[in-house]
C-alpha atoms as a PDB file:
ATOM      1  CA  GLN A   1       1.698 -21.028 -14.265  1.00  0.00           C
ATOM      2  CA  GLN A   2       4.294 -19.323 -12.146  1.00  0.00           C
ATOM      3  CA  GLN A   3       4.465 -20.634  -8.578  1.00  0.00           C
ATOM      4  CA  TYR A   4       5.057 -18.581  -5.453  1.00  0.00           C
ATOM      5  CA  SER A   5       6.275 -20.372  -2.355  1.00  0.00           C
ATOM      6  CA  PHE A   6       6.158 -19.339   1.286  1.00  0.00           C
ATOM      7  CA  VAL A   7       9.468 -18.029   2.683  1.00  0.00           C
ATOM      8  CA  THR A   8       8.791 -16.707   6.178  1.00  0.00           C
ATOM      9  CA  GLN A   9       6.326 -14.921   8.416  1.00  0.00           C
ATOM     10  CA  TRP A  10       6.329 -12.824  11.564  1.00  0.00           C
ATOM     11  CA  GLY A  11       3.932 -11.051  13.870  1.00  0.00           C
ATOM     12  CA  SER A  12       1.054 -11.706  16.251  1.00  0.00           C
ATOM     13  CA  GLU A  13      -1.731  -9.663  17.798  1.00  0.00           C
ATOM     14  CA  GLY A  14      -0.673  -7.144  20.434  1.00  0.00           C
ATOM     15  CA  SER A  15       1.192  -3.948  21.214  1.00  0.00           C
ATOM     16  CA  GLU A  16       4.644  -5.308  22.044  1.00  0.00           C
ATOM     17  CA  SER A  17       7.576  -4.903  19.666  1.00  0.00           C
ATOM     18  CA  GLY A  18       7.011  -7.085  16.617  1.00  0.00           C
ATOM     19  CA  GLN A  19       3.288  -7.389  17.282  1.00  0.00           C
ATOM     20  CA  PHE A  20       0.502  -5.684  15.324  1.00  0.00           C
ATOM     21  CA  MET A  21      -2.959  -4.245  15.697  1.00  0.00           C
ATOM     22  CA  GLY A  22      -4.180  -3.554  12.179  1.00  0.00           C
ATOM     23  CA  GLN A  23      -1.097  -3.679   9.969  1.00  0.00           C
ATOM     24  CA  ASN A  24      -2.614  -2.515   6.684  1.00  0.00           C
ATOM     25  CA  ASP A  25       0.550  -2.132   4.642  1.00  0.00           C
ATOM     26  CA  VAL A  26       4.161  -3.236   4.293  1.00  0.00           C
ATOM     27  CA  VAL A  27       7.082  -1.932   2.246  1.00  0.00           C
ATOM     28  CA  PRO A  28      10.702  -3.063   1.815  1.00  0.00           C
ATOM     29  CA  SER A  29      13.357  -0.346   1.894  1.00  0.00           C
ATOM     30  CA  SER A  30      14.911   0.881  -1.350  1.00  0.00           C
ATOM     31  CA  ASN A  31      18.212  -0.822  -0.479  1.00  0.00           C
ATOM     32  CA  GLY A  32      16.407  -4.109   0.208  1.00  0.00           C
ATOM     33  CA  ARG A  33      17.689  -4.488   3.753  1.00  0.00           C
ATOM     34  CA  TYR A  34      14.674  -3.451   5.795  1.00  0.00           C
ATOM     35  CA  VAL A  35      10.909  -3.732   5.910  1.00  0.00           C
ATOM     36  CA  PHE A  36       8.593  -1.016   7.281  1.00  0.00           C
ATOM     37  CA  VAL A  37       5.113  -1.737   8.621  1.00  0.00           C
ATOM     38  CA  PRO A  38       2.540   0.880   9.689  1.00  0.00           C
ATOM     39  CA  ASP A  39       0.890  -0.497  12.826  1.00  0.00           C
ATOM     40  CA  TYR A  40      -2.523   1.179  12.561  1.00  0.00           C
ATOM     41  CA  GLU A  41      -4.119   0.857  16.002  1.00  0.00           C
ATOM     42  CA  ASN A  42      -0.771   1.012  17.811  1.00  0.00           C
ATOM     43  CA  HIS A  43      -0.097   4.381  16.112  1.00  0.00           C
ATOM     44  CA  ARG A  44       3.475   3.572  15.161  1.00  0.00           C
ATOM     45  CA  ILE A  45       5.801   2.460  12.379  1.00  0.00           C
ATOM     46  CA  GLN A  46       7.846  -0.682  12.954  1.00  0.00           C
ATOM     47  CA  LYS A  47      11.091  -1.488  11.159  1.00  0.00           C
ATOM     48  CA  PHE A  48      12.339  -5.047  10.637  1.00  0.00           C
ATOM     49  CA  THR A  49      15.014  -6.910   8.760  1.00  0.00           C
ATOM     50  CA  THR A  50      13.710  -8.709   5.666  1.00  0.00           C
ATOM     51  CA  ASN A  51      13.409 -11.923   7.676  1.00  0.00           C
ATOM     52  CA  GLY A  52      11.311 -10.243  10.352  1.00  0.00           C
ATOM     53  CA  THR A  53      13.820  -9.435  13.070  1.00  0.00           C
ATOM     54  CA  TYR A  54      12.582  -6.351  14.935  1.00  0.00           C
ATOM     55  CA  ILE A  55      14.913  -3.348  14.669  1.00  0.00           C
ATOM     56  CA  MET A  56      13.078  -0.265  15.932  1.00  0.00           C
ATOM     57  CA  GLU A  57       9.851   1.702  15.898  1.00  0.00           C
ATOM     58  CA  TRP A  58       8.688   5.296  15.953  1.00  0.00           C
ATOM     59  CA  GLY A  59       5.471   6.923  17.079  1.00  0.00           C
ATOM     60  CA  SER A  60       4.359   7.077  20.702  1.00  0.00           C
ATOM     61  CA  GLY A  61       1.866   4.223  20.495  1.00  0.00           C
ATOM     62  CA  SER A  62      -1.109   6.483  21.149  1.00  0.00           C
ATOM     63  CA  GLU A  63      -3.001   9.032  19.067  1.00  0.00           C
ATOM     64  CA  SER A  64      -1.046  12.259  18.664  1.00  0.00           C
ATOM     65  CA  THR A  65      -0.963  15.275  16.367  1.00  0.00           C
ATOM     66  CA  ILE A  66       2.707  16.015  17.083  1.00  0.00           C
ATOM     67  CA  ASN A  67       5.064  15.849  14.093  1.00  0.00           C
ATOM     68  CA  GLY A  68       6.603  12.385  13.986  1.00  0.00           C
ATOM     69  CA  GLU A  69       3.665  10.794  15.779  1.00  0.00           C
ATOM     70  CA  PHE A  70       0.461   9.347  14.376  1.00  0.00           C
ATOM     71  CA  ASP A  71      -3.283   8.920  14.580  1.00  0.00           C
ATOM     72  CA  ASN A  72      -3.931   5.672  12.662  1.00  0.00           C
ATOM     73  CA  PRO A  73      -1.025   5.485  10.190  1.00  0.00           C
ATOM     74  CA  HIS A  74      -2.438   3.572   7.248  1.00  0.00           C
ATOM     75  CA  SER A  75      -0.096   3.258   4.298  1.00  0.00           C
ATOM     76  CA  ILE A  76       3.624   3.618   3.676  1.00  0.00           C
ATOM     77  CA  ASP A  77       6.133   3.890   0.834  1.00  0.00           C
ATOM     78  CA  VAL A  78       9.791   4.738   0.299  1.00  0.00           C
ATOM     79  CA  ASP A  79      11.675   6.747  -2.326  1.00  0.00           C
ATOM     80  CA  MET A  80      14.974   5.923  -4.001  1.00  0.00           C
ATOM     81  CA  LEU A  81      16.873   7.953  -1.407  1.00  0.00           C
ATOM     82  CA  GLY A  82      15.450   5.804   1.382  1.00  0.00           C
ATOM     83  CA  ASN A  83      13.019   8.373   2.757  1.00  0.00           C
ATOM     84  CA  VAL A  84       9.801   6.956   4.218  1.00  0.00           C
ATOM     85  CA  TYR A  85       6.358   8.470   3.523  1.00  0.00           C
ATOM     86  CA  VAL A  86       3.379   7.674   5.746  1.00  0.00           C
ATOM     87  CA  SER A  87      -0.313   8.397   5.216  1.00  0.00           C
ATOM     88  CA  ASP A  88      -1.292   9.573   8.704  1.00  0.00           C
ATOM     89  CA  LYS A  89      -4.994   8.938   8.182  1.00  0.00           C
ATOM     90  CA  ASP A  90      -6.799  10.620  11.069  1.00  0.00           C
ATOM     91  CA  ASN A  91      -4.374  13.528  11.177  1.00  0.00           C
ATOM     92  CA  HIS A  92      -5.219  14.131   7.496  1.00  0.00           C
ATOM     93  CA  ARG A  93      -1.583  14.507   6.554  1.00  0.00           C
ATOM     94  CA  ILE A  94       1.395  12.856   4.906  1.00  0.00           C
ATOM     95  CA  GLN A  95       4.597  12.643   6.927  1.00  0.00           C
ATOM     96  CA  LYS A  96       8.099  12.142   5.553  1.00  0.00           C
ATOM     97  CA  PHE A  97      10.929  10.547   7.545  1.00  0.00           C
ATOM     98  CA  THR A  98      14.439   9.212   7.221  1.00  0.00           C
ATOM     99  CA  ASP A  99      14.598   5.423   7.296  1.00  0.00           C
ATOM    100  CA  ASN A 100      15.315   5.495  11.036  1.00  0.00           C
ATOM    101  CA  GLY A 101      12.266   7.588  11.848  1.00  0.00           C
ATOM    102  CA  ASN A 102      13.691  11.094  11.987  1.00  0.00           C
ATOM    103  CA  PHE A 103      10.960  13.549  10.987  1.00  0.00           C
ATOM    104  CA  ILE A 104      11.667  15.516   7.795  1.00  0.00           C
ATOM    105  CA  ASP A 105       8.440  17.144   6.637  1.00  0.00           C
ATOM    106  CA  MET A 106       4.642  16.926   6.606  1.00  0.00           C
ATOM    107  CA  TRP A 107       1.756  18.294   4.568  1.00  0.00           C
ATOM    108  CA  GLY A 108      -2.012  18.139   4.418  1.00  0.00           C
ATOM    109  CA  SER A 109      -5.067  19.148   6.415  1.00  0.00           C
ATOM    110  CA  GLU A 110      -8.693  18.096   6.704  1.00  0.00           C
ATOM    111  CA  GLY A 111     -10.963  19.091   3.837  1.00  0.00           C
ATOM    112  CA  THR A 112     -11.860  18.575   0.196  1.00  0.00           C
ATOM    113  CA  GLY A 113      -9.542  21.116  -1.434  1.00  0.00           C
ATOM    114  CA  ASP A 114      -6.186  20.688  -3.125  1.00  0.00           C
ATOM    115  CA  GLY A 115      -3.753  19.117  -0.676  1.00  0.00           C
ATOM    116  CA  GLN A 116      -6.523  18.339   1.792  1.00  0.00           C
ATOM    117  CA  PHE A 117      -7.829  14.950   2.872  1.00  0.00           C
ATOM    118  CA  THR A 118     -11.017  13.504   4.327  1.00  0.00           C
ATOM    119  CA  HIS A 119     -10.078   9.818   4.531  1.00  0.00           C
ATOM    120  CA  LEU A 120      -6.422   9.554   3.531  1.00  0.00           C
ATOM    121  CA  HIS A 121      -5.684   5.968   2.590  1.00  0.00           C
ATOM    122  CA  GLY A 122      -2.997   4.742   0.174  1.00  0.00           C
ATOM    123  CA  ILE A 123       0.337   6.337  -0.646  1.00  0.00           C
ATOM    124  CA  ALA A 124       2.872   5.610  -3.392  1.00  0.00           C
ATOM    125  CA  VAL A 125       6.092   7.211  -4.597  1.00  0.00           C
ATOM    126  CA  ASP A 126       7.062   7.303  -8.270  1.00  0.00           C
ATOM    127  CA  PRO A 127      10.385   5.394  -8.378  1.00  0.00           C
ATOM    128  CA  GLN A 128      11.791   7.734 -11.045  1.00  0.00           C
ATOM    129  CA  SER A 129      10.517  11.232 -10.294  1.00  0.00           C
ATOM    130  CA  GLY A 130       9.925  10.910  -6.561  1.00  0.00           C
ATOM    131  CA  ASP A 131       6.419  12.358  -6.946  1.00  0.00           C
ATOM    132  CA  VAL A 132       4.012  11.237  -4.228  1.00  0.00           C
ATOM    133  CA  TYR A 133       0.486   9.969  -4.895  1.00  0.00           C
ATOM    134  CA  ALA A 134      -2.236   9.536  -2.281  1.00  0.00           C
ATOM    135  CA  THR A 135      -5.760   8.141  -2.394  1.00  0.00           C
ATOM    136  CA  ASP A 136      -8.716   9.537  -0.478  1.00  0.00           C
ATOM    137  CA  THR A 137     -11.537   7.065   0.143  1.00  0.00           C
ATOM    138  CA  GLU A 138     -14.198   9.673   0.938  1.00  0.00           C
ATOM    139  CA  ASN A 139     -13.112  12.342  -1.567  1.00  0.00           C
ATOM    140  CA  PHE A 140     -12.944   9.622  -4.263  1.00  0.00           C
ATOM    141  CA  ASN A 141      -9.740  11.005  -5.708  1.00  0.00           C
ATOM    142  CA  VAL A 142      -6.041  10.574  -6.259  1.00  0.00           C
ATOM    143  CA  GLN A 143      -3.798  13.527  -5.430  1.00  0.00           C
ATOM    144  CA  LYS A 144      -0.285  14.026  -6.738  1.00  0.00           C
ATOM    145  CA  PHE A 145       2.486  16.009  -5.011  1.00  0.00           C
ATOM    146  CA  ASP A 146       6.173  16.529  -5.515  1.00  0.00           C
ATOM    147  CA  ASN A 147       8.397  14.998  -2.837  1.00  0.00           C
ATOM    148  CA  ASN A 148       8.298  18.234  -0.826  1.00  0.00           C
ATOM    149  CA  GLY A 149       4.519  18.168  -0.621  1.00  0.00           C
ATOM    150  CA  ASN A 150       3.716  20.752  -3.279  1.00  0.00           C
ATOM    151  CA  PHE A 151       0.356  19.954  -4.895  1.00  0.00           C
ATOM    152  CA  ILE A 152       0.547  19.041  -8.598  1.00  0.00           C
ATOM    153  CA  THR A 153      -2.823  17.650  -9.670  1.00  0.00           C
ATOM    154  CA  LYS A 154      -5.733  15.434  -8.673  1.00  0.00           C
ATOM    155  CA  TRP A 155      -8.389  13.327 -10.391  1.00  0.00           C
ATOM    156  CA  GLY A 156     -11.414  11.186  -9.650  1.00  0.00           C
ATOM    157  CA  SER A 157     -15.016  11.351  -8.465  1.00  0.00           C
ATOM    158  CA  GLU A 158     -17.607   8.914  -7.156  1.00  0.00           C
ATOM    159  CA  GLY A 159     -19.057   6.507  -9.715  1.00  0.00           C
ATOM    160  CA  ILE A 160     -18.520   3.473 -11.910  1.00  0.00           C
ATOM    161  CA  ALA A 161     -17.276   5.083 -15.118  1.00  0.00           C
ATOM    162  CA  PRO A 162     -13.580   5.006 -16.109  1.00  0.00           C
ATOM    163  CA  GLY A 163     -11.711   7.451 -13.880  1.00  0.00           C
ATOM    164  CA  GLN A 164     -14.382   7.270 -11.204  1.00  0.00           C
ATOM    165  CA  PHE A 165     -14.157   5.250  -8.018  1.00  0.00           C
ATOM    166  CA  GLY A 166     -16.507   3.305  -5.774  1.00  0.00           C
ATOM    167  CA  SER A 167     -14.060   3.268  -2.874  1.00  0.00           C
ATOM    168  CA  LEU A 168     -10.380   3.473  -3.606  1.00  0.00           C
ATOM    169  CA  GLU A 169      -7.665   1.922  -1.484  1.00  0.00           C
ATOM    170  CA  SER A 170      -4.009   1.443  -2.384  1.00  0.00           C
ATOM    171  CA  LEU A 171      -2.073   2.488  -5.466  1.00  0.00           C
ATOM    172  CA  ASP A 172       1.378   2.072  -6.979  1.00  0.00           C
ATOM    173  CA  VAL A 173       3.481   3.504  -9.803  1.00  0.00           C
ATOM    174  CA  ASP A 174       5.388   1.626 -12.512  1.00  0.00           C
ATOM    175  CA  SER A 175       8.686   2.392 -14.250  1.00  0.00           C
ATOM    176  CA  HIS A 176       6.908   4.514 -16.872  1.00  0.00           C
ATOM    177  CA  GLY A 177       5.163   6.677 -14.297  1.00  0.00           C
ATOM    178  CA  ASP A 178       1.765   5.049 -14.823  1.00  0.00           C
ATOM    179  CA  VAL A 179      -0.441   4.715 -11.756  1.00  0.00           C
ATOM    180  CA  TYR A 180      -2.499   1.646 -10.754  1.00  0.00           C
ATOM    181  CA  VAL A 181      -5.389   2.168  -8.331  1.00  0.00           C
ATOM    182  CA  ALA A 182      -7.381  -0.476  -6.435  1.00  0.00           C
ATOM    183  CA  ASP A 183     -11.024   0.530  -6.909  1.00  0.00           C
ATOM    184  CA  TYR A 184     -12.261  -1.535  -3.953  1.00  0.00           C
ATOM    185  CA  ASP A 185     -16.047  -1.324  -4.249  1.00  0.00           C
ATOM    186  CA  ASN A 186     -16.035  -1.480  -8.060  1.00  0.00           C
ATOM    187  CA  ASN A 187     -13.909  -4.655  -7.945  1.00  0.00           C
ATOM    188  CA  ARG A 188     -11.421  -3.449 -10.517  1.00  0.00           C
ATOM    189  CA  ILE A 189      -7.939  -2.074 -11.026  1.00  0.00           C
ATOM    190  CA  GLN A 190      -7.695   1.186 -12.941  1.00  0.00           C
ATOM    191  CA  LYS A 191      -4.542   2.360 -14.695  1.00  0.00           C
ATOM    192  CA  PHE A 192      -3.779   6.020 -15.360  1.00  0.00           C
ATOM    193  CA  SER A 193      -0.961   8.133 -16.687  1.00  0.00           C
ATOM    194  CA  GLY A 194       0.871  10.199 -14.109  1.00  0.00           C
ATOM    195  CA  ASN A 195      -1.392  13.166 -14.807  1.00  0.00           C
ATOM    196  CA  GLY A 196      -4.588  11.171 -14.335  1.00  0.00           C
ATOM    197  CA  THR A 197      -5.466  10.262 -17.911  1.00  0.00           C
ATOM    198  CA  PHE A 198      -7.359   6.947 -17.906  1.00  0.00           C
ATOM    199  CA  ILE A 199      -5.504   4.152 -19.729  1.00  0.00           C
ATOM    200  CA  THR A 200      -7.275   0.859 -18.978  1.00  0.00           C
ATOM    201  CA  GLU A 201      -9.090  -1.151 -16.331  1.00  0.00           C
ATOM    202  CA  TRP A 202      -9.619  -4.809 -15.484  1.00  0.00           C
ATOM    203  CA  GLY A 203     -11.623  -6.903 -13.059  1.00  0.00           C
ATOM    204  CA  THR A 204     -15.222  -7.703 -12.191  1.00  0.00           C
ATOM    205  CA  GLU A 205     -16.844  -9.014  -9.038  1.00  0.00           C
ATOM    206  CA  GLY A 206     -16.349 -12.728  -8.475  1.00  0.00           C
ATOM    207  CA  GLU A 207     -14.067 -15.564  -7.449  1.00  0.00           C
ATOM    208  CA  GLY A 208     -12.725 -16.489 -10.873  1.00  0.00           C
ATOM    209  CA  THR A 209      -9.337 -15.746 -12.379  1.00  0.00           C
ATOM    210  CA  GLY A 210      -8.934 -11.993 -12.793  1.00  0.00           C
ATOM    211  CA  GLN A 211     -12.039 -11.295 -10.740  1.00  0.00           C
ATOM    212  CA  PHE A 212     -12.071  -9.630  -7.330  1.00  0.00           C
ATOM    213  CA  ASN A 213     -13.964  -9.582  -4.084  1.00  0.00           C
ATOM    214  CA  ASN A 214     -12.667  -6.197  -2.908  1.00  0.00           C
ATOM    215  CA  PRO A 215      -9.138  -5.507  -4.227  1.00  0.00           C
ATOM    216  CA  ALA A 216      -7.168  -3.420  -1.719  1.00  0.00           C
ATOM    217  CA  GLY A 217      -3.400  -3.601  -2.000  1.00  0.00           C
ATOM    218  CA  VAL A 218      -1.515  -2.905  -5.236  1.00  0.00           C
ATOM    219  CA  ALA A 219       2.194  -3.350  -5.892  1.00  0.00           C
ATOM    220  CA  VAL A 220       4.288  -3.090  -9.053  1.00  0.00           C
ATOM    221  CA  ASP A 221       7.546  -5.006  -9.436  1.00  0.00           C
ATOM    222  CA  SER A 222      10.666  -4.008 -11.368  1.00  0.00           C
ATOM    223  CA  GLU A 223       9.250  -5.601 -14.541  1.00  0.00           C
ATOM    224  CA  ASP A 224       5.954  -3.697 -14.148  1.00  0.00           C
ATOM    225  CA  ASN A 225       3.919  -6.727 -13.149  1.00  0.00           C
ATOM    226  CA  VAL A 226       1.002  -5.789 -10.893  1.00  0.00           C
ATOM    227  CA  TYR A 227       0.173  -7.640  -7.675  1.00  0.00           C
ATOM    228  CA  VAL A 228      -3.205  -7.240  -5.975  1.00  0.00           C
ATOM    229  CA  THR A 229      -4.497  -8.375  -2.591  1.00  0.00           C
ATOM    230  CA  ASP A 230      -7.961  -9.765  -3.270  1.00  0.00           C
ATOM    231  CA  VAL A 231      -9.196  -9.213   0.275  1.00  0.00           C
ATOM    232  CA  ASN A 232     -12.341 -11.260   0.598  1.00  0.00           C
ATOM    233  CA  ASN A 233     -11.142 -13.990  -1.740  1.00  0.00           C
ATOM    234  CA  ASN A 234      -8.123 -14.286   0.591  1.00  0.00           C
ATOM    235  CA  ARG A 235      -5.615 -14.505  -2.234  1.00  0.00           C
ATOM    236  CA  ILE A 236      -2.970 -12.625  -4.190  1.00  0.00           C
ATOM    237  CA  GLN A 237      -3.338 -12.161  -7.940  1.00  0.00           C
ATOM    238  CA  LYS A 238      -0.545 -11.159 -10.306  1.00  0.00           C
ATOM    239  CA  PHE A 239      -1.099  -9.476 -13.675  1.00  0.00           C
ATOM    240  CA  SER A 240       0.927  -7.980 -16.485  1.00  0.00           C
ATOM    241  CA  SER A 241       0.955  -4.192 -16.721  1.00  0.00           C
ATOM    242  CA  ASP A 242      -2.010  -4.298 -19.120  1.00  0.00           C
ATOM    243  CA  GLY A 243      -4.101  -6.528 -16.875  1.00  0.00           C
ATOM    244  CA  ALA A 244      -3.424  -9.987 -18.321  1.00  0.00           C
ATOM    245  CA  PHE A 245      -3.640 -12.610 -15.574  1.00  0.00           C
ATOM    246  CA  VAL A 246      -0.321 -14.259 -14.659  1.00  0.00           C
ATOM    247  CA  THR A 247      -0.865 -16.288 -11.480  1.00  0.00           C
ATOM    248  CA  SER A 248      -2.548 -16.346  -8.092  1.00  0.00           C
ATOM    249  CA  TRP A 249      -2.037 -17.978  -4.726  1.00  0.00           C
ATOM    250  CA  GLY A 250      -3.627 -18.163  -1.307  1.00  0.00           C
ATOM    251  CA  SER A 251      -6.769 -19.336   0.432  1.00  0.00           C
ATOM    252  CA  GLU A 252      -8.606 -18.512   3.643  1.00  0.00           C
ATOM    253  CA  GLY A 253      -6.910 -19.689   6.813  1.00  0.00           C
ATOM    254  CA  GLU A 254      -4.092 -19.268   9.309  1.00  0.00           C
ATOM    255  CA  GLY A 255      -1.512 -21.593   7.763  1.00  0.00           C
ATOM    256  CA  GLU A 256       1.532 -20.708   5.712  1.00  0.00           C
ATOM    257  CA  GLY A 257       0.409 -19.133   2.460  1.00  0.00           C
ATOM    258  CA  GLN A 258      -3.124 -18.670   3.727  1.00  0.00           C
ATOM    259  CA  PHE A 259      -4.712 -15.296   4.477  1.00  0.00           C
ATOM    260  CA  LEU A 260      -7.404 -13.590   6.481  1.00  0.00           C
ATOM    261  CA  GLY A 261      -8.321 -10.324   4.793  1.00  0.00           C
ATOM    262  CA  PRO A 262      -4.894  -9.448   3.351  1.00  0.00           C
ATOM    263  CA  GLU A 263      -4.538  -5.720   2.653  1.00  0.00           C
ATOM    264  CA  GLY A 264      -1.079  -4.326   1.949  1.00  0.00           C
ATOM    265  CA  ILE A 265       1.443  -5.767  -0.481  1.00  0.00           C
ATOM    266  CA  ASP A 266       4.820  -4.869  -1.931  1.00  0.00           C
ATOM    267  CA  VAL A 267       7.624  -6.451  -3.946  1.00  0.00           C
ATOM    268  CA  ASP A 268      11.360  -5.938  -3.454  1.00  0.00           C
ATOM    269  CA  SER A 269      14.015  -5.670  -6.156  1.00  0.00           C
ATOM    270  CA  GLU A 270      14.621  -9.425  -5.981  1.00  0.00           C
ATOM    271  CA  GLY A 271      10.962 -10.184  -6.666  1.00  0.00           C
ATOM    272  CA  ASN A 272      10.106 -11.260  -3.129  1.00  0.00           C
ATOM    273  CA  VAL A 273       6.497 -10.474  -2.264  1.00  0.00           C
ATOM    274  CA  TYR A 274       5.588  -9.067   1.169  1.00  0.00           C
ATOM    275  CA  VAL A 275       1.962  -9.309   2.266  1.00  0.00           C
ATOM    276  CA  ALA A 276       0.285  -7.610   5.224  1.00  0.00           C
ATOM    277  CA  ASP A 277      -1.969 -10.490   6.296  1.00  0.00           C
ATOM    278  CA  THR A 278      -4.100  -8.094   8.303  1.00  0.00           C
ATOM    279  CA  GLY A 279      -6.599 -10.471   9.889  1.00  0.00           C
ATOM    280  CA  ASN A 280      -3.837 -12.842  10.997  1.00  0.00           C
ATOM    281  CA  PHE A 281      -1.752  -9.982  12.497  1.00  0.00           C
ATOM    282  CA  ARG A 282       1.326 -10.982  10.555  1.00  0.00           C
ATOM    283  CA  ILE A 283       3.552 -10.298   7.573  1.00  0.00           C
ATOM    284  CA  GLN A 284       4.149 -13.115   5.096  1.00  0.00           C
ATOM    285  CA  VAL A 285       6.920 -13.286   2.501  1.00  0.00           C
ATOM    286  CA  PHE A 286       6.865 -15.297  -0.738  1.00  0.00           C
ATOM    287  CA  SER A 287       9.287 -15.922  -3.596  1.00  0.00           C
ATOM    288  CA  THR A 288       9.378 -17.734  -6.929  1.00  0.00           C
ATOM    289  CA  GLU A 289      12.638 -19.508  -6.195  1.00  0.00           C
END
């Protein structure tokens, strides 16, 4: 079984630079030099080096509807050009920035229609096409946009059948354009084509291998392996792209390699795994080397 070892960590509870209040996600930059963290209750995005050295932040630190500012920024992703996309949850919009926080564009409003959001949660960018996917926890759907915010399609409804969701959190896209969604309350991962056609699912409620106690974060690496934060089991599980279990690590606690309600996760081009260890107010990094 493949082993992941602890590399480094940073962060503590607070509102100073390098501190967090509800960091629900983490993403390395496309060039592998930086890491971006949406700092939920501090209403800002923080940028670090890959070893956790603070570089800069943007967002005023308080709730705001102004372009470039936030009201509970929840999830984050980057495209191949280095642009940063943020799900600005309580402003019901997606914002797009350069990698140093310069505002480029925004789209979305409150509602249940195309391009509208009720509880905007996860966001993911297709690494090939640049299309942007977003999950909505209360509308029980995934919406797909081009990288300028033009609505393409959406799918999903409330339920337990394939293509339905109990409460959906994060999502990510593999090299073939397939989309993996963490169906939090149904304790499963669902896989779809880029247009929303159901492909497969895996997971049941439990503590065993391949089981979940509320899966939240999803990340796909360059070989299309799928990593999931298993929130209330306080562990990370890794699967092949068709859901075959590969490995897992983590337990409840505050030590290195332990977690307290981990939510966000991502993997860089080198295979390093970044975890938003939400309850411990820190980011942890792991590698196989």
